[in-house]
Amino acid sequence: MTETPPAPAATPAAPAARTPDGAGVHAVVGAGGATGRRLVAHLHAAGYRVRAVTRDGRDAGTPGVETAAADATDGAALTAACRDATAVYHCVMPVLARWTSDFPVVTDALLDAASRVGARLVYADDTWMYGRVDGPMTEDTPWRPVSTKGVLRAWIAERVLAAGAAGRLQVGVVRAGELYGPGVRSLVAGNVFRAALRGWPVQWLGDPDLPLTPTCVDDFAATLAAVGTGGASDAAVWHVPHPGVTTGRTLAAEACRQAGTRLRLVRHGSGQVPALGHVVPLAREGAEMVYQFEQPFVVDGSRAGRAFGLAATPYEEGVRRTLAAERRGPSRSSAPLGRAPGCRGTRPA
């Protein structure tokens, strides 16, 4: 596949002092999702005026914040919801089946709304545009997507960065690795934590012994907030800091240790995932992304850590928070693979 080069972006500048701005609003669009909810809570706790924007204006779980209703594909409604904003955060996550149709429309609408109100746009991104790698991914890693979702992510990020480079508005792109944490829906979150609590086999897609830096959703929120409140570049990419390199097996073992259950891990290779997708929707949706777990999946966020003084959540603490949330009530993630009707585990690994 032809390499997709990153859009022109300014060299990240030193962040400005992060002092709460009593006048400016920080509008979190997509505040009903796991990342958006944590970002709303993080900004509010830091003393910022926060507006949680969702399709129906629902409560984002943090008392004392403003709420607004807007369809993220409606530019006029978004502009109204983002009035008086200093920063607008793009945390909208369309359902995967509608990514191709909805993601470009939503992103263009958010770029237009942020530009009209004179706000910085901060985009919550992932690392799918990098494709196959053999070492840590940095902000300078070439974009070589190998999946349709990766190509789309690259295209969306390019649109955001190009808007910043053209002077329409200031933008920041914040990239996380595989997410876990309270409320997160991901391949790791859906197959590790509930299984650990119930003593079920942990179903792992890919190689559980390769280097891995899963991203705690709280660290994603903290980095988004840091870029929105302290970034000074017109167009820059930042990676979320991590506490170090672990493995899938080690993460699952820690989850089982804290849950008081015995680790039983079943490994599924990429060739088995399409079959699993017949009974597990998340496996079907994420089948083309399993390659990430068959290579080192290490995200280097040291640049943002140094620039913004960010400290990553230790894995032990991230696991504790995730299990506590799971005990209160399962997230929207799919049932663990081995517990889906008609789905049997393969070989222990």
Protein backbone atom coordinates (compact mmCIF):
# COMPACT_ATOMS: atom_id res chain seq x y z
CA MET A 1 0.00 0.00 0.00
CA THR A 2 1.22 3.50 -0.78
CA GLU A 3 2.45 5.32 2.26
CA THR A 4 0.16 8.11 3.47
CA PRO A 5 2.32 11.00 4.68
CA PRO A 6 1.16 13.08 7.61
CA ALA A 7 -0.31 16.45 6.77
CA PRO A 8 1.99 19.42 7.36
CA ALA A 9 2.10 20.25 11.03
CA ALA A 10 3.94 22.81 13.07
CA THR A 11 6.65 21.71 15.45
CA PRO A 12 5.01 21.37 18.88
CA ALA A 13 5.66 24.46 20.92
CA ALA A 14 6.18 24.64 24.64
CA PRO A 15 2.81 24.63 26.41
CA ALA A 16 1.46 27.76 27.98
CA ALA A 17 0.75 27.90 31.69
CA ARG A 18 -2.34 25.84 32.48
CA THR A 19 -4.43 28.22 34.55
CA PRO A 20 -8.21 27.97 34.47
CA ASP A 21 -9.86 30.55 32.23
CA GLY A 22 -13.00 31.73 33.98
CA ALA A 23 -14.52 33.13 30.79
CA GLY A 24 -13.83 30.46 28.20
CA VAL A 25 -15.94 27.33 27.87
CA HIS A 26 -14.40 23.91 27.22
CA ALA A 27 -16.99 22.15 25.07
CA VAL A 28 -16.69 18.37 25.03
CA VAL A 29 -18.61 17.00 22.05
CA GLY A 30 -19.33 13.30 22.46
CA ALA A 31 -19.49 13.68 26.23
CA GLY A 32 -21.65 10.58 26.61
CA GLY A 33 -18.84 8.15 25.68
CA ALA A 34 -16.17 6.76 27.99
CA THR A 35 -13.47 9.22 26.91
CA GLY A 36 -15.80 12.21 26.82
CA ARG A 37 -17.19 11.52 30.29
CA ARG A 38 -13.71 11.25 31.80
CA LEU A 39 -12.60 14.41 30.00
CA VAL A 40 -15.58 16.35 31.35
CA ALA A 41 -14.76 15.18 34.88
CA HIS A 42 -11.06 16.00 34.48
CA LEU A 43 -11.63 19.53 33.18
CA HIS A 44 -14.27 20.27 35.81
CA ALA A 45 -12.01 19.06 38.62
CA ALA A 46 -9.26 21.38 37.33
CA GLY A 47 -11.58 24.37 37.67
CA TYR A 48 -12.57 24.96 34.05
CA ARG A 49 -16.03 25.89 32.84
CA VAL A 50 -17.19 22.78 30.99
CA ARG A 51 -20.08 22.15 28.63
CA ALA A 52 -20.97 18.51 27.93
CA VAL A 53 -22.46 18.18 24.44
CA THR A 54 -24.39 15.03 23.53
CA ARG A 55 -27.07 14.21 20.98
CA ASP A 56 -29.84 14.44 23.60
CA GLY A 57 -28.27 16.71 26.23
CA ARG A 58 -27.97 13.91 28.77
CA ASP A 59 -26.11 14.19 32.05
CA ALA A 60 -22.43 13.33 31.54
CA GLY A 61 -22.02 12.13 35.11
CA THR A 62 -20.29 15.20 36.61
CA PRO A 63 -22.44 17.52 38.73
CA GLY A 64 -21.99 21.22 38.08
CA VAL A 65 -21.24 21.18 34.35
CA GLU A 66 -23.37 22.69 31.62
CA THR A 67 -25.12 20.38 29.17
CA ALA A 68 -26.21 20.97 25.58
CA ALA A 69 -27.93 18.88 22.94
CA ALA A 70 -26.65 18.80 19.38
CA ASP A 71 -26.46 16.32 16.54
CA ALA A 72 -22.76 16.17 15.69
CA THR A 73 -23.56 16.11 11.97
CA ASP A 74 -25.49 19.41 12.23
CA GLY A 75 -23.03 22.28 11.83
CA ALA A 76 -25.46 25.00 12.93
CA ALA A 77 -26.49 23.10 16.06
CA LEU A 78 -22.85 22.41 16.93
CA THR A 79 -21.90 26.05 16.50
CA ALA A 80 -24.67 27.03 18.90
CA ALA A 81 -23.63 24.34 21.41
CA CYS A 82 -20.00 25.51 21.25
CA ARG A 83 -20.70 29.24 21.70
CA ASP A 84 -18.14 31.10 23.85
CA ALA A 85 -15.79 28.11 23.69
CA THR A 86 -12.05 28.42 24.17
CA ALA A 87 -11.55 24.78 23.21
CA VAL A 88 -13.76 22.21 21.50
CA TYR A 89 -12.96 18.52 22.03
CA HIS A 90 -13.84 16.01 19.31
CA CYS A 91 -14.71 12.86 21.26
CA VAL A 92 -17.48 11.73 18.92
CA MET A 93 -17.31 8.04 18.10
CA PRO A 94 -19.83 6.90 15.47
CA VAL A 95 -20.76 3.24 15.52
CA LEU A 96 -18.22 1.34 13.43
CA ALA A 97 -20.80 0.36 10.83
CA ARG A 98 -21.30 4.06 10.02
CA TRP A 99 -17.71 5.29 10.26
CA THR A 100 -17.27 5.87 6.54
CA SER A 101 -20.48 7.86 6.21
CA ASP A 102 -20.52 9.72 9.55
CA PHE A 103 -16.93 10.37 10.65
CA PRO A 104 -15.99 12.80 7.84
CA VAL A 105 -19.28 14.70 8.23
CA VAL A 106 -18.90 14.97 12.00
CA THR A 107 -15.27 16.07 11.76
CA ASP A 108 -15.96 18.73 9.14
CA ALA A 109 -18.89 20.03 11.22
CA LEU A 110 -16.68 20.26 14.32
CA LEU A 111 -13.88 22.00 12.44
CA ASP A 112 -16.38 24.51 11.12
CA ALA A 113 -18.04 25.06 14.51
CA ALA A 114 -14.72 25.52 16.35
CA SER A 115 -13.51 27.90 13.65
CA ARG A 116 -16.69 29.99 13.80
CA VAL A 117 -16.52 30.45 17.59
CA GLY A 118 -12.75 31.04 17.57
CA ALA A 119 -11.84 27.93 19.56
CA ARG A 120 -9.04 25.38 19.38
CA LEU A 121 -10.16 21.91 18.25
CA VAL A 122 -8.67 18.91 20.06
CA TYR A 123 -9.27 15.58 18.33
CA ALA A 124 -9.31 12.26 20.23
CA ASP A 125 -7.52 9.87 17.86
CA ASP A 126 -5.92 6.43 17.87
CA THR A 127 -2.84 4.85 16.22
CA TRP A 128 -4.49 2.88 13.42
CA MET A 129 -2.97 5.06 10.68
CA TYR A 130 0.55 3.83 11.49
CA GLY A 131 -0.13 0.30 10.26
CA ARG A 132 2.47 -2.41 10.72
CA VAL A 133 5.42 -1.37 12.85
CA ASP A 134 8.37 -3.16 14.43
CA GLY A 135 9.10 -0.75 17.27
CA PRO A 136 7.58 2.00 19.42
CA MET A 137 5.22 4.40 17.66
CA THR A 138 6.11 8.08 18.07
CA GLU A 139 4.49 11.24 16.73
CA ASP A 140 6.98 11.06 13.84
CA THR A 141 6.17 7.48 12.79
CA PRO A 142 5.15 7.39 9.08
CA TRP A 143 1.52 6.74 8.29
CA ARG A 144 1.18 3.40 6.48
CA PRO A 145 -2.35 2.15 7.24
CA VAL A 146 -3.08 -1.49 6.40
CA SER A 147 -6.81 -1.54 7.21
CA THR A 148 -9.82 0.35 5.93
CA LYS A 149 -10.38 1.84 9.37
CA GLY A 150 -6.74 2.90 9.50
CA VAL A 151 -7.04 4.61 6.12
CA LEU A 152 -10.12 6.48 7.33
CA ARG A 153 -8.38 7.53 10.55
CA ALA A 154 -5.42 8.82 8.53
CA TRP A 155 -7.71 10.80 6.25
CA ILE A 156 -9.63 12.35 9.17
CA ALA A 157 -6.42 13.31 10.99
CA GLU A 158 -5.02 14.82 7.80
CA ARG A 159 -8.14 16.99 7.44
CA VAL A 160 -7.79 18.22 11.01
CA LEU A 161 -4.07 18.98 10.75
CA ALA A 162 -4.45 20.61 7.34
CA ALA A 163 -7.08 22.96 8.75
CA GLY A 164 -4.61 24.02 11.43
CA ALA A 165 -1.71 24.40 9.02
CA ALA A 166 -3.89 26.55 6.75
CA GLY A 167 -4.62 28.94 9.61
CA ARG A 168 -8.36 28.24 9.92
CA LEU A 169 -7.97 27.47 13.64
CA GLN A 170 -5.56 25.91 16.11
CA VAL A 171 -5.81 22.12 16.34
CA GLY A 172 -4.31 19.35 18.41
CA VAL A 173 -4.47 15.61 17.70
CA VAL A 174 -4.09 13.30 20.70
CA ARG A 175 -3.48 9.60 20.02
CA ALA A 176 -4.06 6.73 22.43
CA GLY A 177 -3.20 3.05 22.17
CA GLU A 178 -5.69 0.29 22.98
CA LEU A 179 -7.97 1.76 25.63
CA TYR A 180 -9.06 0.22 28.89
CA GLY A 181 -10.77 1.67 31.93
CA PRO A 182 -14.26 2.41 33.27
CA GLY A 183 -16.88 2.34 30.52
CA VAL A 184 -14.43 1.56 27.73
CA ARG A 185 -15.52 -0.63 24.82
CA SER A 186 -12.47 -2.25 23.23
CA LEU A 187 -11.02 -5.66 22.39
CA VAL A 188 -8.96 -5.66 25.58
CA ALA A 189 -11.56 -4.12 27.88
CA GLY A 190 -14.26 -6.49 26.70
CA ASN A 191 -12.24 -9.68 27.11
CA VAL A 192 -10.09 -9.23 30.21
CA PHE A 193 -11.85 -7.60 33.14
CA ARG A 194 -15.28 -9.17 33.29
CA ALA A 195 -13.71 -12.57 32.68
CA ALA A 196 -11.22 -11.96 35.51
CA LEU A 197 -14.00 -11.06 37.94
CA ARG A 198 -16.05 -14.14 37.10
CA GLY A 199 -13.23 -16.61 36.85
CA TRP A 200 -13.82 -17.19 33.14
CA PRO A 201 -11.00 -17.81 30.66
CA VAL A 202 -9.52 -14.57 29.33
CA GLN A 203 -9.84 -14.60 25.55
CA TRP A 204 -6.90 -12.82 23.89
CA LEU A 205 -6.83 -11.87 20.23
CA GLY A 206 -3.26 -12.02 18.93
CA ASP A 207 -0.06 -12.79 20.84
CA PRO A 208 -0.39 -12.17 24.60
CA ASP A 209 3.37 -12.07 25.14
CA LEU A 210 4.33 -9.23 22.81
CA PRO A 211 5.18 -5.76 24.19
CA LEU A 212 2.05 -3.70 24.83
CA THR A 213 1.17 -0.26 26.24
CA PRO A 214 -2.59 -0.22 26.89
CA THR A 215 -3.92 3.29 27.50
CA CYS A 216 -5.92 4.05 30.64
CA VAL A 217 -8.89 6.19 29.61
CA ASP A 218 -8.10 8.61 32.45
CA ASP A 219 -4.67 9.26 30.89
CA PHE A 220 -6.31 9.85 27.51
CA ALA A 221 -8.61 12.42 29.13
CA ALA A 222 -5.71 14.09 30.95
CA THR A 223 -3.70 14.45 27.74
CA LEU A 224 -6.67 15.82 25.80
CA ALA A 225 -7.23 18.36 28.57
CA ALA A 226 -3.55 19.32 28.63
CA VAL A 227 -3.54 20.00 24.89
CA GLY A 228 -6.82 21.91 25.07
CA THR A 229 -5.74 24.11 27.96
CA GLY A 230 -1.99 24.40 27.43
CA GLY A 231 -1.13 23.67 23.82
CA ALA A 232 0.38 26.54 21.83
CA SER A 233 0.95 25.02 18.36
CA ASP A 234 -1.27 25.69 15.38
CA ALA A 235 -1.24 22.00 14.42
CA ALA A 236 0.44 19.28 16.46
CA VAL A 237 0.17 15.56 17.23
CA TRP A 238 0.64 14.21 20.75
CA HIS A 239 0.72 10.65 22.10
CA VAL A 240 -0.70 9.73 25.49
CA PRO A 241 2.02 8.85 28.04
CA HIS A 242 2.14 5.32 29.45
CA PRO A 243 3.68 3.93 32.64
CA GLY A 244 5.93 1.52 30.74
CA VAL A 245 5.74 -1.57 28.59
CA THR A 246 3.77 -4.61 29.68
CA THR A 247 2.16 -7.58 27.89
CA GLY A 248 -1.38 -8.81 27.49
CA ARG A 249 -0.64 -11.82 29.68
CA THR A 250 0.77 -9.61 32.44
CA LEU A 251 -2.24 -7.28 32.31
CA ALA A 252 -4.66 -10.21 32.47
CA ALA A 253 -2.69 -11.79 35.32
CA GLU A 254 -2.90 -8.54 37.31
CA ALA A 255 -6.65 -8.35 36.70
CA CYS A 256 -7.08 -11.93 37.94
CA ARG A 257 -4.82 -11.32 40.94
CA GLN A 258 -6.92 -8.34 42.04
CA ALA A 259 -10.15 -10.21 41.34
CA GLY A 260 -8.99 -13.23 43.35
CA THR A 261 -9.34 -15.64 40.45
CA ARG A 262 -6.93 -17.90 38.57
CA LEU A 263 -5.65 -16.78 35.18
CA ARG A 264 -6.72 -19.01 32.31
CA LEU A 265 -5.83 -17.40 29.01
CA VAL A 266 -6.98 -18.60 25.60
CA ARG A 267 -5.21 -17.21 22.57
CA HIS A 268 -7.00 -16.59 19.27
CA GLY A 269 -4.95 -16.00 16.12
CA SER A 270 -6.07 -13.63 13.41
CA GLY A 271 -7.23 -16.56 11.28
CA GLN A 272 -9.81 -17.50 13.93
CA VAL A 273 -11.27 -14.04 14.45
CA PRO A 274 -13.61 -13.98 11.41
CA ALA A 275 -15.33 -17.10 12.71
CA LEU A 276 -15.68 -15.57 16.16
CA GLY A 277 -17.28 -12.55 14.56
CA HIS A 278 -20.36 -14.59 13.68
CA VAL A 279 -21.32 -14.67 17.36
CA VAL A 280 -19.40 -11.73 18.89
CA PRO A 281 -20.09 -8.36 17.23
CA LEU A 282 -17.00 -6.63 18.66
CA ALA A 283 -14.75 -9.38 17.27
CA ARG A 284 -16.38 -8.95 13.86
CA GLU A 285 -16.00 -5.17 13.94
CA GLY A 286 -12.39 -5.33 15.09
CA ALA A 287 -11.19 -8.28 13.01
CA GLU A 288 -9.07 -6.19 10.66
CA MET A 289 -7.31 -4.56 13.62
CA VAL A 290 -6.02 -7.77 15.24
CA TYR A 291 -2.69 -7.28 13.42
CA GLN A 292 -1.87 -4.71 16.12
CA PHE A 293 -1.71 -7.51 18.68
CA GLU A 294 0.50 -9.65 16.46
CA GLN A 295 3.32 -7.10 16.54
CA PRO A 296 4.77 -4.89 19.29
CA PHE A 297 1.98 -2.45 20.22
CA VAL A 298 3.97 0.23 22.01
CA VAL A 299 2.99 3.90 21.98
CA ASP A 300 5.69 6.36 23.02
CA GLY A 301 4.05 9.31 24.79
CA SER A 302 7.19 10.71 26.39
CA ARG A 303 7.00 13.95 24.37
CA ALA A 304 3.63 14.90 25.87
CA GLY A 305 4.74 13.70 29.29
CA ARG A 306 7.67 16.11 29.25
CA ALA A 307 5.80 19.02 27.65
CA PHE A 308 2.79 18.97 29.92
CA GLY A 309 4.20 17.34 33.06
CA LEU A 310 1.86 14.35 32.73
CA ALA A 311 2.28 11.22 34.85
CA ALA A 312 0.69 8.01 33.54
CA THR A 313 -1.55 5.83 35.68
CA PRO A 314 0.29 2.68 36.85
CA TYR A 315 -1.25 -0.47 35.39
CA GLU A 316 -2.04 -1.81 38.85
CA GLU A 317 -4.13 1.29 39.61
CA GLY A 318 -5.76 1.31 36.17
CA VAL A 319 -6.80 -2.31 36.63
CA ARG A 320 -8.19 -1.51 40.10
CA ARG A 321 -10.37 1.29 38.71
CA THR A 322 -11.58 -0.85 35.83
CA LEU A 323 -12.54 -3.77 38.04
CA ALA A 324 -14.32 -1.42 40.46
CA ALA A 325 -16.39 0.00 37.62
CA GLU A 326 -17.12 -3.49 36.30
CA ARG A 327 -18.37 -4.54 39.71
CA ARG A 328 -20.78 -1.59 39.73
CA GLY A 329 -22.16 -2.61 36.35
CA PRO A 330 -20.79 -4.02 33.08
CA SER A 331 -19.73 -1.54 30.41
CA ARG A 332 -21.18 -1.59 26.91
CA SER A 333 -18.35 -3.81 25.74
CA SER A 334 -19.37 -7.15 24.32
CA ALA A 335 -19.43 -10.30 26.37
CA PRO A 336 -16.08 -12.05 26.66
CA LEU A 337 -15.51 -14.19 23.60
CA GLY A 338 -15.58 -17.51 25.36
CA ARG A 339 -18.96 -16.72 26.94
CA ALA A 340 -20.78 -15.86 23.74
CA PRO A 341 -23.44 -18.39 22.73
CA GLY A 342 -21.98 -21.10 20.55
CA CYS A 343 -18.43 -19.79 20.89
CA ARG A 344 -15.77 -22.08 22.29
CA GLY A 345 -12.26 -21.23 23.28
CA THR A 346 -9.31 -22.64 21.40
CA ARG A 347 -6.01 -23.65 22.90
CA PRO A 348 -4.71 -22.34 26.22
CA ALA A 349 -1.64 -20.17 25.75
